[in-house]
PDB file of N, CA and C in Angstrom:
ATOM      1  N   UNK A   1     112.754 105.298  92.102  1.00  0.00           N
ATOM      2  CA  UNK A   1     111.918 106.222  92.850  1.00  0.00           C
ATOM      3  C   UNK A   1     110.881 105.435  93.643  1.00  0.00           C
ATOM      4  N   UNK A   2     110.538 105.910  94.811  1.00  0.00           N
ATOM      5  CA  UNK A   2     109.552 105.254  95.655  1.00  0.00           C
ATOM      6  C   UNK A   2     108.155 105.693  95.260  1.00  0.00           C
ATOM      7  N   UNK A   3     107.283 104.710  95.074  1.00  0.00           N
ATOM      8  CA  UNK A   3     105.906 105.019  94.714  1.00  0.00           C
ATOM      9  C   UNK A   3     105.090 105.293  95.966  1.00  0.00           C
ATOM     10  N   UNK A   4     104.126 106.225  95.855  1.00  0.00           N
ATOM     11  CA  UNK A   4     103.273 106.497  97.012  1.00  0.00           C
ATOM     12  C   UNK A   4     102.489 105.249  97.410  1.00  0.00           C
ATOM     13  N   UNK A   5     102.286 105.074  98.692  1.00  0.00           N
ATOM     14  CA  UNK A   5     101.527 103.948  99.212  1.00  0.00           C
ATOM     15  C   UNK A   5     100.501 104.517 100.178  1.00  0.00           C
ATOM     16  N   UNK A   6      99.302 104.742  99.684  1.00  0.00           N
ATOM     17  CA  UNK A   6      98.266 105.411 100.479  1.00  0.00           C
ATOM     18  C   UNK A   6      97.855 104.619 101.708  1.00  0.00           C
ATOM     19  N   UNK A   7      98.199 103.332 101.792  1.00  0.00           N
ATOM     20  CA  UNK A   7      97.869 102.528 102.967  1.00  0.00           C
ATOM     21  C   UNK A   7      98.975 102.554 104.019  1.00  0.00           C
ATOM     22  N   UNK A   8     100.085 103.192 103.720  1.00  0.00           N
ATOM     23  CA  UNK A   8     101.198 103.234 104.655  1.00  0.00           C
ATOM     24  C   UNK A   8     100.852 104.154 105.824  1.00  0.00           C
ATOM     25  N   UNK A   9     100.986 103.673 107.068  1.00  0.00           N
ATOM     26  CA  UNK A   9     100.581 104.499 108.213  1.00  0.00           C
ATOM     27  C   UNK A   9     101.401 105.780 108.369  1.00  0.00           C
ATOM     28  N   UNK A  10     102.662 105.772 107.975  1.00  0.00           N
ATOM     29  CA  UNK A  10     103.486 106.978 108.076  1.00  0.00           C
ATOM     30  C   UNK A  10     102.991 108.043 107.106  1.00  0.00           C
ATOM     31  N   UNK A  11     102.703 107.626 105.890  1.00  0.00           N
ATOM     32  CA  UNK A  11     102.213 108.565 104.887  1.00  0.00           C
ATOM     33  C   UNK A  11     100.816 109.067 105.247  1.00  0.00           C
ATOM     34  N   UNK A  12      99.950 108.164 105.698  1.00  0.00           N
ATOM     35  CA  UNK A  12      98.594 108.570 106.084  1.00  0.00           C
ATOM     36  C   UNK A  12      98.638 109.619 107.192  1.00  0.00           C
ATOM     37  N   UNK A  13      99.442 109.372 108.207  1.00  0.00           N
ATOM     38  CA  UNK A  13      99.532 110.293 109.338  1.00  0.00           C
ATOM     39  C   UNK A  13     100.067 111.652 108.891  1.00  0.00           C
ATOM     40  N   UNK A  14     101.085 111.652 108.042  1.00  0.00           N
ATOM     41  CA  UNK A  14     101.648 112.919 107.557  1.00  0.00           C
ATOM     42  C   UNK A  14     100.620 113.684 106.731  1.00  0.00           C
ATOM     43  N   UNK A  15      99.927 112.988 105.859  1.00  0.00           N
ATOM     44  CA  UNK A  15      98.927 113.645 105.025  1.00  0.00           C
ATOM     45  C   UNK A  15      97.756 114.154 105.862  1.00  0.00           C
ATOM     46  N   UNK A  16      97.358 113.389 106.881  1.00  0.00           N
ATOM     47  CA  UNK A  16      96.286 113.847 107.775  1.00  0.00           C
ATOM     48  C   UNK A  16      96.691 115.112 108.519  1.00  0.00           C
ATOM     49  N   UNK A  17      97.986 115.253 108.776  1.00  0.00           N
ATOM     50  CA  UNK A  17      98.509 116.446 109.437  1.00  0.00           C
ATOM     51  C   UNK A  17      98.718 117.593 108.443  1.00  0.00           C
ATOM     52  N   UNK A  18      98.416 117.323 107.175  1.00  0.00           N
ATOM     53  CA  UNK A  18      98.534 118.322 106.102  1.00  0.00           C
ATOM     54  C   UNK A  18      99.959 118.861 105.960  1.00  0.00           C
ATOM     55  N   UNK A  19     100.911 117.932 106.012  1.00  0.00           N
ATOM     56  CA  UNK A  19     102.324 118.285 105.852  1.00  0.00           C
ATOM     57  C   UNK A  19     102.884 117.630 104.604  1.00  0.00           C
ATOM     58  N   UNK A  20     103.750 118.334 103.911  1.00  0.00           N
ATOM     59  CA  UNK A  20     104.515 117.725 102.832  1.00  0.00           C
ATOM     60  C   UNK A  20     105.691 116.994 103.462  1.00  0.00           C
ATOM     61  N   UNK A  21     106.333 116.143 102.705  1.00  0.00           N
ATOM     62  CA  UNK A  21     107.532 115.475 103.211  1.00  0.00           C
ATOM     63  C   UNK A  21     108.589 116.502 103.572  1.00  0.00           C
ATOM     64  N   UNK A  22     108.727 117.507 102.750  1.00  0.00           N
ATOM     65  CA  UNK A  22     109.747 118.530 102.984  1.00  0.00           C
ATOM     66  C   UNK A  22     109.492 119.299 104.275  1.00  0.00           C
ATOM     67  N   UNK A  23     108.223 119.640 104.536  1.00  0.00           N
ATOM     68  CA  UNK A  23     107.889 120.348 105.773  1.00  0.00           C
ATOM     69  C   UNK A  23     108.071 119.442 106.989  1.00  0.00           C
ATOM     70  N   UNK A  24     107.700 118.171 106.855  1.00  0.00           N
ATOM     71  CA  UNK A  24     107.813 117.231 107.972  1.00  0.00           C
ATOM     72  C   UNK A  24     109.265 117.080 108.412  1.00  0.00           C
ATOM     73  N   UNK A  25     110.180 116.926 107.467  1.00  0.00           N
ATOM     74  CA  UNK A  25     111.573 116.681 107.858  1.00  0.00           C
ATOM     75  C   UNK A  25     112.237 117.899 108.492  1.00  0.00           C
ATOM     76  N   UNK A  26     111.630 119.069 108.351  1.00  0.00           N
ATOM     77  CA  UNK A  26     112.172 120.243 109.038  1.00  0.00           C
ATOM     78  C   UNK A  26     112.100 120.076 110.558  1.00  0.00           C
ATOM     79  N   UNK A  27     111.160 119.243 111.020  1.00  0.00           N
ATOM     80  CA  UNK A  27     110.984 119.023 112.460  1.00  0.00           C
ATOM     81  C   UNK A  27     111.373 117.620 112.901  1.00  0.00           C
ATOM     82  N   UNK A  28     111.910 116.827 111.989  1.00  0.00           N
ATOM     83  CA  UNK A  28     112.269 115.443 112.307  1.00  0.00           C
ATOM     84  C   UNK A  28     113.770 115.231 112.160  1.00  0.00           C
ATOM     85  N   UNK A  29     114.315 114.236 112.862  1.00  0.00           N
ATOM     86  CA  UNK A  29     115.751 113.966 112.785  1.00  0.00           C
ATOM     87  C   UNK A  29     116.120 113.064 111.598  1.00  0.00           C
ATOM     88  N   UNK A  30     115.474 113.282 110.449  1.00  0.00           N
ATOM     89  CA  UNK A  30     115.743 112.483 109.251  1.00  0.00           C
ATOM     90  C   UNK A  30     115.742 113.380 108.027  1.00  0.00           C
ATOM     91  N   UNK A  31     116.246 112.845 106.943  1.00  0.00           N
ATOM     92  CA  UNK A  31     116.222 113.548 105.667  1.00  0.00           C
ATOM     93  C   UNK A  31     115.034 113.065 104.857  1.00  0.00           C
ATOM     94  N   UNK A  32     114.707 113.783 103.796  1.00  0.00           N
ATOM     95  CA  UNK A  32     113.560 113.438 102.960  1.00  0.00           C
ATOM     96  C   UNK A  32     113.666 112.006 102.450  1.00  0.00           C
ATOM     97  N   UNK A  33     114.837 111.565 102.049  1.00  0.00           N
ATOM     98  CA  UNK A  33     115.006 110.215 101.507  1.00  0.00           C
ATOM     99  C   UNK A  33     114.584 109.153 102.529  1.00  0.00           C
ATOM    100  N   UNK A  34     114.962 109.330 103.787  1.00  0.00           N
ATOM    101  CA  UNK A  34     114.561 108.373 104.820  1.00  0.00           C
ATOM    102  C   UNK A  34     113.046 108.355 104.980  1.00  0.00           C
ATOM    103  N   UNK A  35     112.429 109.521 105.010  1.00  0.00           N
ATOM    104  CA  UNK A  35     110.979 109.595 105.135  1.00  0.00           C
ATOM    105  C   UNK A  35     110.307 108.912 103.942  1.00  0.00           C
ATOM    106  N   UNK A  36     110.865 109.098 102.769  1.00  0.00           N
ATOM    107  CA  UNK A  36     110.333 108.421 101.578  1.00  0.00           C
ATOM    108  C   UNK A  36     110.418 106.911 101.728  1.00  0.00           C
ATOM    109  N   UNK A  37     111.501 106.411 102.278  1.00  0.00           N
ATOM    110  CA  UNK A  37     111.648 104.968 102.496  1.00  0.00           C
ATOM    111  C   UNK A  37     110.622 104.459 103.502  1.00  0.00           C
ATOM    112  N   UNK A  38     110.388 105.219 104.580  1.00  0.00           N
ATOM    113  CA  UNK A  38     109.384 104.809 105.566  1.00  0.00           C
ATOM    114  C   UNK A  38     108.010 104.722 104.902  1.00  0.00           C
ATOM    115  N   UNK A  39     107.702 105.729 104.103  1.00  0.00           N
ATOM    116  CA  UNK A  39     106.384 105.785 103.480  1.00  0.00           C
ATOM    117  C   UNK A  39     106.218 104.762 102.360  1.00  0.00           C
ATOM    118  N   UNK A  40     107.301 104.299 101.803  1.00  0.00           N
ATOM    119  CA  UNK A  40     107.242 103.268 100.766  1.00  0.00           C
ATOM    120  C   UNK A  40     107.282 101.864 101.372  1.00  0.00           C
ATOM    121  N   UNK A  41     107.487 101.787 102.689  1.00  0.00           N
ATOM    122  CA  UNK A  41     107.549 100.490 103.352  1.00  0.00           C
ATOM    123  C   UNK A  41     108.878  99.783 103.202  1.00  0.00           C
ATOM    124  N   UNK A  42     109.897 100.504 102.768  1.00  0.00           N
ATOM    125  CA  UNK A  42     111.221  99.905 102.580  1.00  0.00           C
ATOM    126  C   UNK A  42     112.043  99.889 103.856  1.00  0.00           C
ATOM    127  N   UNK A  43     111.734 100.798 104.781  1.00  0.00           N
ATOM    128  CA  UNK A  43     112.439 100.896 106.060  1.00  0.00           C
ATOM    129  C   UNK A  43     111.452 101.319 107.123  1.00  0.00           C
ATOM    130  N   UNK A  44     111.880 101.211 108.373  1.00  0.00           N
ATOM    131  CA  UNK A  44     111.071 101.656 109.501  1.00  0.00           C
ATOM    132  C   UNK A  44     111.929 102.555 110.382  1.00  0.00           C
ATOM    133  N   UNK A  45     111.343 103.621 110.909  1.00  0.00           N
ATOM    134  CA  UNK A  45     112.122 104.511 111.769  1.00  0.00           C
ATOM    135  C   UNK A  45     112.404 103.867 113.120  1.00  0.00           C
ATOM    136  N   UNK A  46     113.449 104.344 113.778  1.00  0.00           N
ATOM    137  CA  UNK A  46     113.696 103.876 115.139  1.00  0.00           C
ATOM    138  C   UNK A  46     112.630 104.481 116.055  1.00  0.00           C
ATOM    139  N   UNK A  47     112.552 104.002 117.281  1.00  0.00           N
ATOM    140  CA  UNK A  47     111.487 104.405 118.193  1.00  0.00           C
ATOM    141  C   UNK A  47     111.505 105.908 118.463  1.00  0.00           C
ATOM    142  N   UNK A  48     112.681 106.475 118.646  1.00  0.00           N
ATOM    143  CA  UNK A  48     112.779 107.919 118.908  1.00  0.00           C
ATOM    144  C   UNK A  48     112.190 108.711 117.749  1.00  0.00           C
ATOM    145  N   UNK A  49     112.539 108.339 116.540  1.00  0.00           N
ATOM    146  CA  UNK A  49     112.021 109.041 115.367  1.00  0.00           C
ATOM    147  C   UNK A  49     110.513 108.827 115.231  1.00  0.00           C
ATOM    148  N   UNK A  50     110.043 107.615 115.478  1.00  0.00           N
ATOM    149  CA  UNK A  50     108.612 107.327 115.397  1.00  0.00           C
ATOM    150  C   UNK A  50     107.840 108.177 116.407  1.00  0.00           C
ATOM    151  N   UNK A  51     108.396 108.354 117.590  1.00  0.00           N
ATOM    152  CA  UNK A  51     107.738 109.198 118.600  1.00  0.00           C
ATOM    153  C   UNK A  51     107.671 110.650 118.140  1.00  0.00           C
ATOM    154  N   UNK A  52     108.742 111.135 117.561  1.00  0.00           N
ATOM    155  CA  UNK A  52     108.750 112.514 117.065  1.00  0.00           C
ATOM    156  C   UNK A  52     107.770 112.679 115.911  1.00  0.00           C
ATOM    157  N   UNK A  53     107.687 111.664 115.060  1.00  0.00           N
ATOM    158  CA  UNK A  53     106.721 111.704 113.959  1.00  0.00           C
ATOM    159  C   UNK A  53     105.302 111.752 114.518  1.00  0.00           C
ATOM    160  N   UNK A  54     105.011 110.910 115.504  1.00  0.00           N
ATOM    161  CA  UNK A  54     103.678 110.876 116.101  1.00  0.00           C
ATOM    162  C   UNK A  54     103.327 112.225 116.732  1.00  0.00           C
ATOM    163  N   UNK A  55     104.272 112.824 117.440  1.00  0.00           N
ATOM    164  CA  UNK A  55     104.034 114.140 118.039  1.00  0.00           C
ATOM    165  C   UNK A  55     103.751 115.182 116.965  1.00  0.00           C
ATOM    166  N   UNK A  56     104.557 115.183 115.925  1.00  0.00           N
ATOM    167  CA  UNK A  56     104.406 116.154 114.849  1.00  0.00           C
ATOM    168  C   UNK A  56     103.089 115.954 114.100  1.00  0.00           C
ATOM    169  N   UNK A  57     102.725 114.710 113.870  1.00  0.00           N
ATOM    170  CA  UNK A  57     101.534 114.400 113.087  1.00  0.00           C
ATOM    171  C   UNK A  57     100.259 114.392 113.925  1.00  0.00           C
ATOM    172  N   UNK A  58     100.391 114.503 115.242  1.00  0.00           N
ATOM    173  CA  UNK A  58      99.222 114.521 116.105  1.00  0.00           C
ATOM    174  C   UNK A  58      98.530 113.175 116.205  1.00  0.00           C
ATOM    175  N   UNK A  59      99.334 112.110 116.255  1.00  0.00           N
ATOM    176  CA  UNK A  59      98.777 110.770 116.369  1.00  0.00           C
ATOM    177  C   UNK A  59      99.561 109.991 117.424  1.00  0.00           C
ATOM    178  N   UNK A  60      99.270 108.723 117.554  1.00  0.00           N
ATOM    179  CA  UNK A  60      99.947 107.856 118.511  1.00  0.00           C
ATOM    180  C   UNK A  60     100.990 106.999 117.797  1.00  0.00           C
ATOM    181  N   UNK A  61     102.063 106.672 118.482  1.00  0.00           N
ATOM    182  CA  UNK A  61     103.053 105.746 117.931  1.00  0.00           C
ATOM    183  C   UNK A  61     102.371 104.431 117.568  1.00  0.00           C
ATOM    184  N   UNK A  62     101.362 104.047 118.340  1.00  0.00           N
ATOM    185  CA  UNK A  62     100.638 102.808 118.056  1.00  0.00           C
ATOM    186  C   UNK A  62     100.010 102.809 116.666  1.00  0.00           C
ATOM    187  N   UNK A  63      99.697 103.984 116.139  1.00  0.00           N
ATOM    188  CA  UNK A  63      99.138 104.059 114.784  1.00  0.00           C
ATOM    189  C   UNK A  63     100.132 103.550 113.739  1.00  0.00           C
ATOM    190  N   UNK A  64     101.410 103.614 114.054  1.00  0.00           N
ATOM    191  CA  UNK A  64     102.435 103.156 113.122  1.00  0.00           C
ATOM    192  C   UNK A  64     102.697 101.659 113.232  1.00  0.00           C
ATOM    193  N   UNK A  65     102.229 101.032 114.296  1.00  0.00           N
ATOM    194  CA  UNK A  65     102.525  99.627 114.535  1.00  0.00           C
ATOM    195  C   UNK A  65     101.551  98.677 113.850  1.00  0.00           C
ATOM    196  N   UNK A  66     100.480  99.213 113.326  1.00  0.00           N
ATOM    197  CA  UNK A  66      99.506  98.365 112.649  1.00  0.00           C
ATOM    198  C   UNK A  66     100.046  97.955 111.283  1.00  0.00           C
ATOM    199  N   UNK A  67      99.937  96.682 110.944  1.00  0.00           N
ATOM    200  CA  UNK A  67     100.370  96.260 109.612  1.00  0.00           C
ATOM    201  C   UNK A  67      99.494  96.913 108.550  1.00  0.00           C
ATOM    202  N   UNK A  68     100.020  97.036 107.352  1.00  0.00           N
ATOM    203  CA  UNK A  68      99.286  97.707 106.282  1.00  0.00           C
ATOM    204  C   UNK A  68      98.000  96.993 105.919  1.00  0.00           C
ATOM    205  N   UNK A  69      97.874  95.723 106.259  1.00  0.00           N
ATOM    206  CA  UNK A  69      96.639  95.001 105.980  1.00  0.00           C
ATOM    207  C   UNK A  69      95.501  95.425 106.875  1.00  0.00           C
ATOM    208  N   UNK A  70      95.783  96.166 107.939  1.00  0.00           N
ATOM    209  CA  UNK A  70      94.754  96.697 108.786  1.00  0.00           C
ATOM    210  C   UNK A  70      94.540  95.951 110.086  1.00  0.00           C
ATOM    211  N   UNK A  71      95.111  94.785 110.273  1.00  0.00           N
ATOM    212  CA  UNK A  71      94.948  94.041 111.518  1.00  0.00           C
ATOM    213  C   UNK A  71      95.986  94.495 112.527  1.00  0.00           C
ATOM    214  N   UNK A  72      95.539  94.844 113.704  1.00  0.00           N
ATOM    215  CA  UNK A  72      96.476  95.277 114.746  1.00  0.00           C
ATOM    216  C   UNK A  72      97.133  94.054 115.395  1.00  0.00           C
ATOM    217  N   UNK A  73      98.348  94.258 115.873  1.00  0.00           N
ATOM    218  CA  UNK A  73      99.049  93.188 116.608  1.00  0.00           C
ATOM    219  C   UNK A  73      98.330  92.956 117.922  1.00  0.00           C
ATOM    220  N   UNK A  74      98.264  91.699 118.325  1.00  0.00           N
ATOM    221  CA  UNK A  74      97.617  91.380 119.611  1.00  0.00           C
ATOM    222  C   UNK A  74      98.596  91.527 120.732  1.00  0.00           C
TER     223      UNK A  74
END
């Protein structure tokens, strides 16, 4: 089972949007298992999916590009 990772940008954005994983995948082209992998840091969504996630969560795709340590890519 994947453990929650509160520093994961995908999980943070979803939680800020007040969505459960189950509700989020109703509007995304992925299944719950894939979303769990993204939030656990085991996989990364393709650009199309990341854009849809950003739209749904009300954030920018750039929010997903920051490493979990908090330093943005230059």
